[in-house]
Amino acid sequence: MKRFISSLSLVVMLVLASCSSTQSLQEYYIDNSENPNFLSVDLPVSLLNLEKADLNEAQKEALNSLKKLNVLAFKKTEANGAEFELEKANVKAILKNEKFIDLMKLNTSYGKGVIKYLGNDEEIDEVIIYGDNKDKGFMLIRVLGNKMNPANLIQFIQAIQKSDYKGEGLGEIGDFLK
């Protein structure tokens, strides 16, 4: 009987461990924030200087629903090419989770990317922007806010276009984008 209970306990532990084997996006940020290959920055929305822009009511509402941006970037070098491929695969595996809803795919001269979100058609919990470039690395941005509306995303993009933001305050992330 003891052997049966011991075996059953082992099976239950293995099942539980396999269910939680996929790392969350937040765990990925935390685990890599101190990694020297990564640049990690939390940016307040106020850094974008949008309060000076001539915004309409919908754009102001979109701006007020945002709190901050979490940016995690992997800067690729000759020495870390294998780690770049591994980390890129890790991020893509996390983003394949069905809880992330595809919003848009990007294919530009800078690289490929995707914009996804967590939430539903009425209210977005967070927006995830991922892009990679085979020569420079990859960037992962979490846009966090309160009761973000999917329709407000377009308003937010239009508000950024009206601002005079030139990348001030981004530090190393700004250099990464060049």
N, C-alpha and C. Protein backbone atom coordinates (compact mmCIF):
# COMPACT_ATOMS: atom_id res chain seq x y z
N MET A 1 0.82 -1.19 0.00
CA MET A 1 0.00 0.00 0.00
C MET A 1 0.87 1.27 0.00
N LYS A 2 1.93 1.23 0.81
CA LYS A 2 2.83 2.39 0.86
C LYS A 2 3.48 2.63 -0.49
N ARG A 3 3.83 1.55 -1.15
CA ARG A 3 4.45 1.65 -2.47
C ARG A 3 3.47 2.27 -3.47
N PHE A 4 2.20 1.89 -3.40
CA PHE A 4 1.17 2.45 -4.28
C PHE A 4 1.01 3.94 -4.04
N ILE A 5 0.92 4.36 -2.77
CA ILE A 5 0.76 5.78 -2.44
C ILE A 5 1.99 6.56 -2.87
N SER A 6 3.17 5.99 -2.68
CA SER A 6 4.41 6.65 -3.11
C SER A 6 4.43 6.82 -4.63
N SER A 7 4.04 5.77 -5.35
CA SER A 7 4.00 5.85 -6.82
C SER A 7 2.97 6.86 -7.29
N LEU A 8 1.80 6.85 -6.65
CA LEU A 8 0.75 7.81 -7.00
C LEU A 8 1.21 9.24 -6.75
N SER A 9 1.89 9.47 -5.65
CA SER A 9 2.41 10.81 -5.34
C SER A 9 3.40 11.27 -6.39
N LEU A 10 4.25 10.35 -6.83
CA LEU A 10 5.23 10.68 -7.86
C LEU A 10 4.55 11.05 -9.17
N VAL A 11 3.54 10.29 -9.56
CA VAL A 11 2.81 10.58 -10.79
C VAL A 11 2.13 11.94 -10.70
N VAL A 12 1.49 12.25 -9.58
CA VAL A 12 0.82 13.54 -9.40
C VAL A 12 1.83 14.69 -9.48
N MET A 13 2.99 14.52 -8.87
CA MET A 13 4.01 15.57 -8.92
C MET A 13 4.51 15.78 -10.36
N LEU A 14 4.70 14.70 -11.10
CA LEU A 14 5.14 14.83 -12.50
C LEU A 14 4.09 15.52 -13.35
N VAL A 15 2.82 15.19 -13.15
CA VAL A 15 1.75 15.84 -13.91
C VAL A 15 1.70 17.32 -13.60
N LEU A 16 1.79 17.68 -12.32
CA LEU A 16 1.76 19.09 -11.95
C LEU A 16 2.96 19.85 -12.51
N ALA A 17 4.11 19.22 -12.48
CA ALA A 17 5.31 19.88 -13.01
C ALA A 17 5.20 20.09 -14.51
N SER A 18 4.64 19.13 -15.23
CA SER A 18 4.52 19.28 -16.67
C SER A 18 3.49 20.33 -17.05
N CYS A 19 2.49 20.55 -16.23
CA CYS A 19 1.47 21.56 -16.52
C CYS A 19 2.02 22.97 -16.43
N SER A 20 3.01 23.17 -15.57
CA SER A 20 3.52 24.52 -15.37
C SER A 20 4.89 24.70 -16.00
N SER A 21 5.22 23.90 -17.02
CA SER A 21 6.55 23.96 -17.61
C SER A 21 6.76 25.19 -18.49
N THR A 22 5.69 25.79 -18.98
CA THR A 22 5.84 26.97 -19.83
C THR A 22 6.01 28.21 -18.96
N GLN A 23 7.06 28.91 -19.19
CA GLN A 23 7.36 30.12 -18.44
C GLN A 23 6.42 31.24 -18.88
N SER A 24 5.98 32.06 -17.93
CA SER A 24 5.13 33.20 -18.29
C SER A 24 6.01 34.33 -18.80
N LEU A 25 5.39 35.27 -19.48
CA LEU A 25 6.13 36.41 -20.01
C LEU A 25 6.73 37.23 -18.87
N GLN A 26 5.97 37.41 -17.80
CA GLN A 26 6.47 38.17 -16.65
C GLN A 26 7.67 37.45 -16.02
N GLU A 27 7.60 36.14 -15.89
CA GLU A 27 8.74 35.38 -15.35
C GLU A 27 9.96 35.54 -16.26
N TYR A 28 9.74 35.54 -17.57
CA TYR A 28 10.84 35.71 -18.51
C TYR A 28 11.52 37.07 -18.31
N TYR A 29 10.71 38.11 -18.16
CA TYR A 29 11.26 39.44 -17.90
C TYR A 29 12.11 39.43 -16.64
N ILE A 30 11.57 38.90 -15.57
CA ILE A 30 12.26 38.90 -14.28
C ILE A 30 13.55 38.08 -14.36
N ASP A 31 13.46 36.89 -14.96
CA ASP A 31 14.63 36.01 -15.04
C ASP A 31 15.77 36.62 -15.85
N ASN A 32 15.47 37.47 -16.82
CA ASN A 32 16.51 38.01 -17.70
C ASN A 32 16.86 39.47 -17.45
N SER A 33 16.22 40.10 -16.49
CA SER A 33 16.49 41.52 -16.24
C SER A 33 17.92 41.78 -15.78
N GLU A 34 18.58 40.81 -15.18
CA GLU A 34 19.96 40.98 -14.73
C GLU A 34 20.98 40.34 -15.68
N ASN A 35 20.51 39.69 -16.73
CA ASN A 35 21.39 39.05 -17.70
C ASN A 35 22.14 40.13 -18.49
N PRO A 36 23.47 40.07 -18.56
CA PRO A 36 24.23 41.12 -19.26
C PRO A 36 23.94 41.23 -20.76
N ASN A 37 23.36 40.21 -21.37
CA ASN A 37 23.01 40.29 -22.79
C ASN A 37 21.72 41.06 -23.03
N PHE A 38 20.98 41.35 -21.96
CA PHE A 38 19.70 42.02 -22.07
C PHE A 38 19.78 43.45 -21.54
N LEU A 39 18.98 44.31 -22.14
CA LEU A 39 18.75 45.65 -21.62
C LEU A 39 17.31 45.64 -21.11
N SER A 40 17.11 46.08 -19.89
CA SER A 40 15.78 46.06 -19.29
C SER A 40 15.46 47.46 -18.77
N VAL A 41 14.31 47.99 -19.20
CA VAL A 41 13.92 49.34 -18.81
C VAL A 41 12.41 49.39 -18.59
N ASP A 42 11.98 50.03 -17.52
CA ASP A 42 10.57 50.34 -17.31
C ASP A 42 10.39 51.82 -17.59
N LEU A 43 9.50 52.14 -18.52
CA LEU A 43 9.32 53.52 -18.93
C LEU A 43 7.92 54.01 -18.56
N PRO A 44 7.83 55.14 -17.91
CA PRO A 44 6.49 55.71 -17.67
C PRO A 44 5.97 56.30 -18.98
N VAL A 45 4.66 56.29 -19.15
CA VAL A 45 4.06 56.84 -20.36
C VAL A 45 4.35 58.34 -20.47
N SER A 46 4.54 58.99 -19.32
CA SER A 46 4.81 60.44 -19.33
C SER A 46 6.09 60.78 -20.09
N LEU A 47 7.00 59.82 -20.23
CA LEU A 47 8.25 60.03 -20.95
C LEU A 47 8.01 60.38 -22.42
N LEU A 48 6.86 59.98 -22.95
CA LEU A 48 6.56 60.22 -24.36
C LEU A 48 6.15 61.67 -24.67
N ASN A 49 6.04 62.52 -23.65
CA ASN A 49 5.70 63.95 -23.83
C ASN A 49 4.38 64.17 -24.56
N LEU A 50 3.41 63.31 -24.34
CA LEU A 50 2.15 63.43 -25.06
C LEU A 50 1.22 64.48 -24.47
N GLU A 51 1.48 64.88 -23.23
CA GLU A 51 0.59 65.90 -22.63
C GLU A 51 0.71 67.25 -23.34
N LYS A 52 1.81 67.48 -24.06
CA LYS A 52 2.00 68.74 -24.80
C LYS A 52 1.39 68.68 -26.20
N ALA A 53 1.08 67.48 -26.67
CA ALA A 53 0.53 67.33 -28.02
C ALA A 53 -0.94 67.74 -28.03
N ASP A 54 -1.41 68.16 -29.19
CA ASP A 54 -2.81 68.56 -29.37
C ASP A 54 -3.64 67.30 -29.61
N LEU A 55 -4.16 66.72 -28.52
CA LEU A 55 -4.88 65.45 -28.60
C LEU A 55 -6.38 65.67 -28.53
N ASN A 56 -7.12 64.85 -29.27
CA ASN A 56 -8.57 64.89 -29.15
C ASN A 56 -8.99 64.06 -27.93
N GLU A 57 -10.28 64.03 -27.62
CA GLU A 57 -10.76 63.34 -26.41
C GLU A 57 -10.47 61.84 -26.46
N ALA A 58 -10.65 61.20 -27.61
CA ALA A 58 -10.40 59.76 -27.74
C ALA A 58 -8.92 59.46 -27.50
N GLN A 59 -8.04 60.32 -28.01
CA GLN A 59 -6.61 60.12 -27.81
C GLN A 59 -6.23 60.34 -26.35
N LYS A 60 -6.85 61.32 -25.69
CA LYS A 60 -6.59 61.54 -24.26
C LYS A 60 -7.06 60.35 -23.44
N GLU A 61 -8.21 59.79 -23.80
CA GLU A 61 -8.73 58.61 -23.10
C GLU A 61 -7.78 57.43 -23.27
N ALA A 62 -7.27 57.25 -24.49
CA ALA A 62 -6.31 56.17 -24.75
C ALA A 62 -5.05 56.37 -23.93
N LEU A 63 -4.54 57.58 -23.87
CA LEU A 63 -3.33 57.88 -23.11
C LEU A 63 -3.55 57.65 -21.61
N ASN A 64 -4.71 58.04 -21.10
CA ASN A 64 -5.00 57.88 -19.68
C ASN A 64 -5.16 56.42 -19.27
N SER A 65 -5.43 55.54 -20.22
CA SER A 65 -5.58 54.12 -19.89
C SER A 65 -4.23 53.41 -19.77
N LEU A 66 -3.15 54.05 -20.19
CA LEU A 66 -1.82 53.45 -20.14
C LEU A 66 -1.08 53.83 -18.87
N LYS A 67 -0.31 52.87 -18.33
CA LYS A 67 0.49 53.13 -17.14
C LYS A 67 1.97 53.20 -17.47
N LYS A 68 2.50 52.10 -18.04
CA LYS A 68 3.94 52.06 -18.31
C LYS A 68 4.26 51.06 -19.39
N LEU A 69 5.50 51.13 -19.83
CA LEU A 69 6.03 50.22 -20.83
C LEU A 69 7.20 49.46 -20.19
N ASN A 70 7.18 48.15 -20.27
CA ASN A 70 8.33 47.33 -19.85
C ASN A 70 9.05 46.93 -21.11
N VAL A 71 10.32 47.27 -21.21
CA VAL A 71 11.11 46.96 -22.40
C VAL A 71 12.23 46.00 -22.02
N LEU A 72 12.34 44.92 -22.77
CA LEU A 72 13.43 43.96 -22.59
C LEU A 72 14.02 43.72 -23.98
N ALA A 73 15.30 44.01 -24.13
CA ALA A 73 15.94 43.87 -25.44
C ALA A 73 17.19 43.01 -25.31
N PHE A 74 17.38 42.11 -26.26
CA PHE A 74 18.57 41.28 -26.34
C PHE A 74 19.45 41.86 -27.43
N LYS A 75 20.62 42.34 -27.07
CA LYS A 75 21.54 42.91 -28.06
C LYS A 75 22.49 41.82 -28.53
N LYS A 76 22.37 41.46 -29.80
CA LYS A 76 23.17 40.38 -30.37
C LYS A 76 24.58 40.88 -30.68
N THR A 77 25.55 40.03 -30.36
CA THR A 77 26.96 40.29 -30.69
C THR A 77 27.52 39.03 -31.34
N GLU A 78 28.75 39.10 -31.80
CA GLU A 78 29.39 37.91 -32.38
C GLU A 78 29.54 36.82 -31.33
N ALA A 79 29.76 37.22 -30.08
CA ALA A 79 30.01 36.25 -29.01
C ALA A 79 28.76 35.56 -28.48
N ASN A 80 27.57 36.14 -28.67
CA ASN A 80 26.38 35.56 -28.07
C ASN A 80 25.34 35.09 -29.09
N GLY A 81 25.77 34.77 -30.29
CA GLY A 81 24.86 34.36 -31.35
C GLY A 81 24.04 33.12 -31.00
N ALA A 82 24.66 32.13 -30.36
CA ALA A 82 23.93 30.91 -29.99
C ALA A 82 22.89 31.22 -28.92
N GLU A 83 23.26 32.05 -27.95
CA GLU A 83 22.30 32.43 -26.90
C GLU A 83 21.15 33.25 -27.48
N PHE A 84 21.46 34.10 -28.47
CA PHE A 84 20.41 34.87 -29.14
C PHE A 84 19.36 33.94 -29.74
N GLU A 85 19.80 32.91 -30.46
CA GLU A 85 18.87 31.98 -31.08
C GLU A 85 18.04 31.25 -30.03
N LEU A 86 18.68 30.85 -28.93
CA LEU A 86 17.97 30.16 -27.85
C LEU A 86 16.92 31.07 -27.21
N GLU A 87 17.31 32.31 -26.89
CA GLU A 87 16.39 33.25 -26.23
C GLU A 87 15.25 33.65 -27.17
N LYS A 88 15.56 33.81 -28.45
CA LYS A 88 14.52 34.13 -29.43
C LYS A 88 13.49 33.00 -29.49
N ALA A 89 13.97 31.77 -29.48
CA ALA A 89 13.07 30.61 -29.49
C ALA A 89 12.24 30.55 -28.21
N ASN A 90 12.85 30.89 -27.07
CA ASN A 90 12.12 30.91 -25.79
C ASN A 90 10.97 31.91 -25.83
N VAL A 91 11.24 33.12 -26.32
CA VAL A 91 10.20 34.16 -26.38
C VAL A 91 9.08 33.73 -27.33
N LYS A 92 9.46 33.21 -28.48
CA LYS A 92 8.44 32.78 -29.44
C LYS A 92 7.58 31.65 -28.87
N ALA A 93 8.17 30.76 -28.09
CA ALA A 93 7.41 29.68 -27.46
C ALA A 93 6.41 30.26 -26.45
N ILE A 94 6.83 31.25 -25.68
CA ILE A 94 5.93 31.89 -24.71
C ILE A 94 4.78 32.56 -25.44
N LEU A 95 5.09 33.27 -26.52
CA LEU A 95 4.06 34.01 -27.26
C LEU A 95 3.12 33.11 -28.05
N LYS A 96 3.47 31.84 -28.23
CA LYS A 96 2.57 30.90 -28.92
C LYS A 96 1.41 30.47 -28.02
N ASN A 97 1.49 30.78 -26.74
CA ASN A 97 0.43 30.41 -25.81
C ASN A 97 -0.90 30.98 -26.31
N GLU A 98 -1.94 30.18 -26.25
CA GLU A 98 -3.24 30.59 -26.79
C GLU A 98 -3.88 31.76 -26.05
N LYS A 99 -3.37 32.11 -24.87
CA LYS A 99 -3.93 33.26 -24.16
C LYS A 99 -3.54 34.58 -24.82
N PHE A 100 -2.48 34.58 -25.64
CA PHE A 100 -2.08 35.77 -26.38
C PHE A 100 -2.86 35.82 -27.69
N ILE A 101 -3.55 36.90 -27.92
CA ILE A 101 -4.38 37.07 -29.11
C ILE A 101 -3.61 37.89 -30.14
N ASP A 102 -3.50 37.37 -31.36
CA ASP A 102 -2.79 38.08 -32.43
C ASP A 102 -3.54 39.34 -32.81
N LEU A 103 -2.82 40.42 -32.91
CA LEU A 103 -3.39 41.68 -33.36
C LEU A 103 -2.83 42.04 -34.74
N MET A 104 -1.51 41.88 -34.90
CA MET A 104 -0.88 42.29 -36.15
C MET A 104 0.49 41.62 -36.29
N LYS A 105 0.86 41.30 -37.51
CA LYS A 105 2.20 40.81 -37.81
C LYS A 105 2.95 41.92 -38.53
N LEU A 106 4.23 42.03 -38.24
CA LEU A 106 5.07 43.08 -38.82
C LEU A 106 6.17 42.45 -39.66
N ASN A 107 6.48 43.05 -40.79
CA ASN A 107 7.58 42.62 -41.63
C ASN A 107 8.15 43.89 -42.26
N THR A 108 9.20 44.41 -41.65
CA THR A 108 9.78 45.67 -42.10
C THR A 108 11.23 45.47 -42.51
N SER A 109 11.85 46.52 -42.97
CA SER A 109 13.27 46.45 -43.32
C SER A 109 14.14 46.26 -42.07
N TYR A 110 13.61 46.58 -40.89
CA TYR A 110 14.35 46.41 -39.63
C TYR A 110 14.26 44.98 -39.11
N GLY A 111 13.23 44.25 -39.49
CA GLY A 111 13.06 42.88 -39.01
C GLY A 111 11.60 42.48 -39.00
N LYS A 112 11.34 41.33 -38.38
CA LYS A 112 9.99 40.80 -38.30
C LYS A 112 9.49 40.93 -36.87
N GLY A 113 8.16 40.99 -36.74
CA GLY A 113 7.61 41.11 -35.41
C GLY A 113 6.14 40.78 -35.37
N VAL A 114 5.60 40.92 -34.18
CA VAL A 114 4.20 40.62 -33.95
C VAL A 114 3.69 41.51 -32.80
N ILE A 115 2.42 41.86 -32.89
CA ILE A 115 1.76 42.57 -31.80
C ILE A 115 0.62 41.67 -31.33
N LYS A 116 0.62 41.37 -30.04
CA LYS A 116 -0.40 40.51 -29.45
C LYS A 116 -0.96 41.21 -28.23
N TYR A 117 -2.06 40.68 -27.72
CA TYR A 117 -2.60 41.25 -26.49
C TYR A 117 -3.22 40.18 -25.62
N LEU A 118 -3.35 40.52 -24.35
CA LEU A 118 -4.05 39.70 -23.37
C LEU A 118 -5.33 40.42 -23.00
N GLY A 119 -6.42 39.72 -22.97
CA GLY A 119 -7.70 40.33 -22.62
C GLY A 119 -8.77 39.84 -23.56
N ASN A 120 -9.75 40.71 -23.81
CA ASN A 120 -10.85 40.35 -24.71
C ASN A 120 -11.18 41.54 -25.60
N ASP A 121 -12.23 41.42 -26.38
CA ASP A 121 -12.59 42.48 -27.33
C ASP A 121 -13.03 43.77 -26.64
N GLU A 122 -13.40 43.69 -25.39
CA GLU A 122 -13.90 44.85 -24.65
C GLU A 122 -12.79 45.55 -23.87
N GLU A 123 -11.87 44.76 -23.32
CA GLU A 123 -10.87 45.32 -22.42
C GLU A 123 -9.56 44.56 -22.54
N ILE A 124 -8.48 45.30 -22.79
CA ILE A 124 -7.15 44.71 -22.94
C ILE A 124 -6.40 44.87 -21.62
N ASP A 125 -5.77 43.77 -21.17
CA ASP A 125 -4.96 43.83 -19.96
C ASP A 125 -3.54 44.30 -20.26
N GLU A 126 -2.97 43.80 -21.34
CA GLU A 126 -1.66 44.27 -21.76
C GLU A 126 -1.45 43.99 -23.24
N VAL A 127 -0.61 44.81 -23.86
CA VAL A 127 -0.24 44.64 -25.26
C VAL A 127 1.22 44.22 -25.28
N ILE A 128 1.53 43.25 -26.11
CA ILE A 128 2.89 42.75 -26.23
C ILE A 128 3.37 43.02 -27.66
N ILE A 129 4.50 43.69 -27.75
CA ILE A 129 5.10 43.98 -29.05
C ILE A 129 6.45 43.27 -29.08
N TYR A 130 6.64 42.39 -30.05
CA TYR A 130 7.89 41.65 -30.19
C TYR A 130 8.43 41.86 -31.60
N GLY A 131 9.72 42.09 -31.68
CA GLY A 131 10.37 42.20 -32.98
C GLY A 131 11.80 41.70 -32.89
N ASP A 132 12.28 41.10 -33.97
CA ASP A 132 13.66 40.65 -33.98
C ASP A 132 14.33 40.99 -35.29
N ASN A 133 15.64 41.08 -35.22
CA ASN A 133 16.49 41.37 -36.36
C ASN A 133 17.68 40.43 -36.25
N LYS A 134 17.98 39.68 -37.28
CA LYS A 134 19.03 38.66 -37.21
C LYS A 134 20.41 39.23 -36.89
N ASP A 135 20.62 40.52 -37.16
CA ASP A 135 21.92 41.13 -36.89
C ASP A 135 21.98 41.88 -35.56
N LYS A 136 20.87 42.51 -35.16
CA LYS A 136 20.87 43.35 -33.97
C LYS A 136 20.38 42.67 -32.70
N GLY A 137 19.40 41.77 -32.81
CA GLY A 137 18.84 41.12 -31.62
C GLY A 137 17.33 41.18 -31.66
N PHE A 138 16.72 41.21 -30.48
CA PHE A 138 15.26 41.32 -30.42
C PHE A 138 14.83 42.23 -29.29
N MET A 139 13.59 42.71 -29.41
CA MET A 139 13.02 43.58 -28.39
C MET A 139 11.62 43.09 -28.07
N LEU A 140 11.31 43.13 -26.79
CA LEU A 140 10.02 42.70 -26.28
C LEU A 140 9.49 43.83 -25.42
N ILE A 141 8.31 44.34 -25.77
CA ILE A 141 7.72 45.48 -25.05
C ILE A 141 6.36 45.07 -24.53
N ARG A 142 6.16 45.27 -23.24
CA ARG A 142 4.84 45.05 -22.62
C ARG A 142 4.26 46.42 -22.33
N VAL A 143 3.09 46.68 -22.90
CA VAL A 143 2.37 47.93 -22.65
C VAL A 143 1.31 47.61 -21.61
N LEU A 144 1.46 48.20 -20.42
CA LEU A 144 0.55 47.92 -19.31
C LEU A 144 -0.36 49.11 -19.07
N GLY A 145 -1.60 48.83 -18.69
CA GLY A 145 -2.54 49.92 -18.45
C GLY A 145 -3.76 49.46 -17.68
N ASN A 146 -4.74 50.33 -17.61
CA ASN A 146 -6.00 50.06 -16.93
C ASN A 146 -7.13 50.14 -17.94
N LYS A 147 -7.88 49.06 -18.07
CA LYS A 147 -9.06 49.03 -18.93
C LYS A 147 -8.79 49.59 -20.32
N MET A 148 -7.72 49.11 -20.93
CA MET A 148 -7.38 49.56 -22.28
C MET A 148 -8.40 48.99 -23.26
N ASN A 149 -8.84 49.80 -24.17
CA ASN A 149 -9.83 49.40 -25.17
C ASN A 149 -9.10 49.14 -26.48
N PRO A 150 -9.41 48.03 -27.17
CA PRO A 150 -8.73 47.76 -28.43
C PRO A 150 -8.81 48.91 -29.44
N ALA A 151 -9.94 49.61 -29.47
CA ALA A 151 -10.08 50.75 -30.39
C ALA A 151 -9.12 51.88 -30.02
N ASN A 152 -8.73 51.95 -28.74
CA ASN A 152 -7.83 53.01 -28.29
C ASN A 152 -6.40 52.82 -28.78
N LEU A 153 -6.05 51.60 -29.20
CA LEU A 153 -4.69 51.38 -29.68
C LEU A 153 -4.37 52.27 -30.87
N ILE A 154 -5.31 52.38 -31.79
CA ILE A 154 -5.11 53.23 -32.96
C ILE A 154 -5.02 54.69 -32.52
N GLN A 155 -5.86 55.07 -31.56
CA GLN A 155 -5.82 56.44 -31.03
C GLN A 155 -4.46 56.72 -30.40
N PHE A 156 -3.92 55.75 -29.68
CA PHE A 156 -2.62 55.91 -29.04
C PHE A 156 -1.52 56.10 -30.08
N ILE A 157 -1.56 55.30 -31.14
CA ILE A 157 -0.56 55.43 -32.21
C ILE A 157 -0.65 56.81 -32.85
N GLN A 158 -1.87 57.30 -33.09
CA GLN A 158 -2.05 58.63 -33.66
C GLN A 158 -1.54 59.71 -32.70
N ALA A 159 -1.72 59.50 -31.39
CA ALA A 159 -1.24 60.47 -30.40
C ALA A 159 0.29 60.52 -30.40
N ILE A 160 0.93 59.38 -30.52
CA ILE A 160 2.39 59.36 -30.58
C ILE A 160 2.89 60.10 -31.81
N GLN A 161 2.18 59.95 -32.93
CA GLN A 161 2.58 60.64 -34.15
C GLN A 161 2.46 62.15 -33.99
N LYS A 162 1.53 62.63 -33.17
CA LYS A 162 1.37 64.07 -32.94
C LYS A 162 2.40 64.63 -31.97
N SER A 163 3.00 63.76 -31.17
CA SER A 163 3.94 64.25 -30.14
C SER A 163 5.25 64.66 -30.78
N ASP A 164 6.07 65.34 -30.00
CA ASP A 164 7.40 65.72 -30.47
C ASP A 164 8.47 64.83 -29.84
N TYR A 165 8.10 63.62 -29.50
CA TYR A 165 9.02 62.70 -28.84
C TYR A 165 10.12 62.27 -29.79
N LYS A 166 11.36 62.41 -29.34
CA LYS A 166 12.51 62.10 -30.17
C LYS A 166 13.37 60.98 -29.58
N GLY A 167 12.82 60.24 -28.60
CA GLY A 167 13.57 59.14 -28.00
C GLY A 167 14.34 59.53 -26.75
N GLU A 168 14.10 60.72 -26.21
CA GLU A 168 14.80 61.15 -25.01
C GLU A 168 14.46 60.23 -23.85
N GLY A 169 15.47 59.94 -23.02
CA GLY A 169 15.24 59.15 -21.83
C GLY A 169 15.30 57.64 -22.05
N LEU A 170 15.52 57.21 -23.26
CA LEU A 170 15.58 55.77 -23.51
C LEU A 170 16.96 55.18 -23.24
N GLY A 171 17.99 56.01 -23.19
CA GLY A 171 19.33 55.52 -22.89
C GLY A 171 19.79 54.46 -23.87
N GLU A 172 20.21 53.31 -23.31
CA GLU A 172 20.75 52.23 -24.14
C GLU A 172 19.72 51.65 -25.10
N ILE A 173 18.45 51.68 -24.72
CA ILE A 173 17.40 51.16 -25.60
C ILE A 173 17.34 52.02 -26.86
N GLY A 174 17.49 53.34 -26.72
CA GLY A 174 17.52 54.23 -27.88
C GLY A 174 18.68 53.91 -28.80
N ASP A 175 19.85 53.61 -28.20
CA ASP A 175 21.02 53.24 -29.01
C ASP A 175 20.78 51.91 -29.72
N PHE A 176 20.08 51.00 -29.05
CA PHE A 176 19.77 49.70 -29.62
C PHE A 176 18.93 49.84 -30.87
N LEU A 177 18.01 50.80 -30.87
CA LEU A 177 17.10 50.99 -31.99
C LEU A 177 17.77 51.61 -33.21
N LYS A 178 18.92 52.22 -33.03
CA LYS A 178 19.61 52.88 -34.15
C LYS A 178 20.29 51.90 -35.06
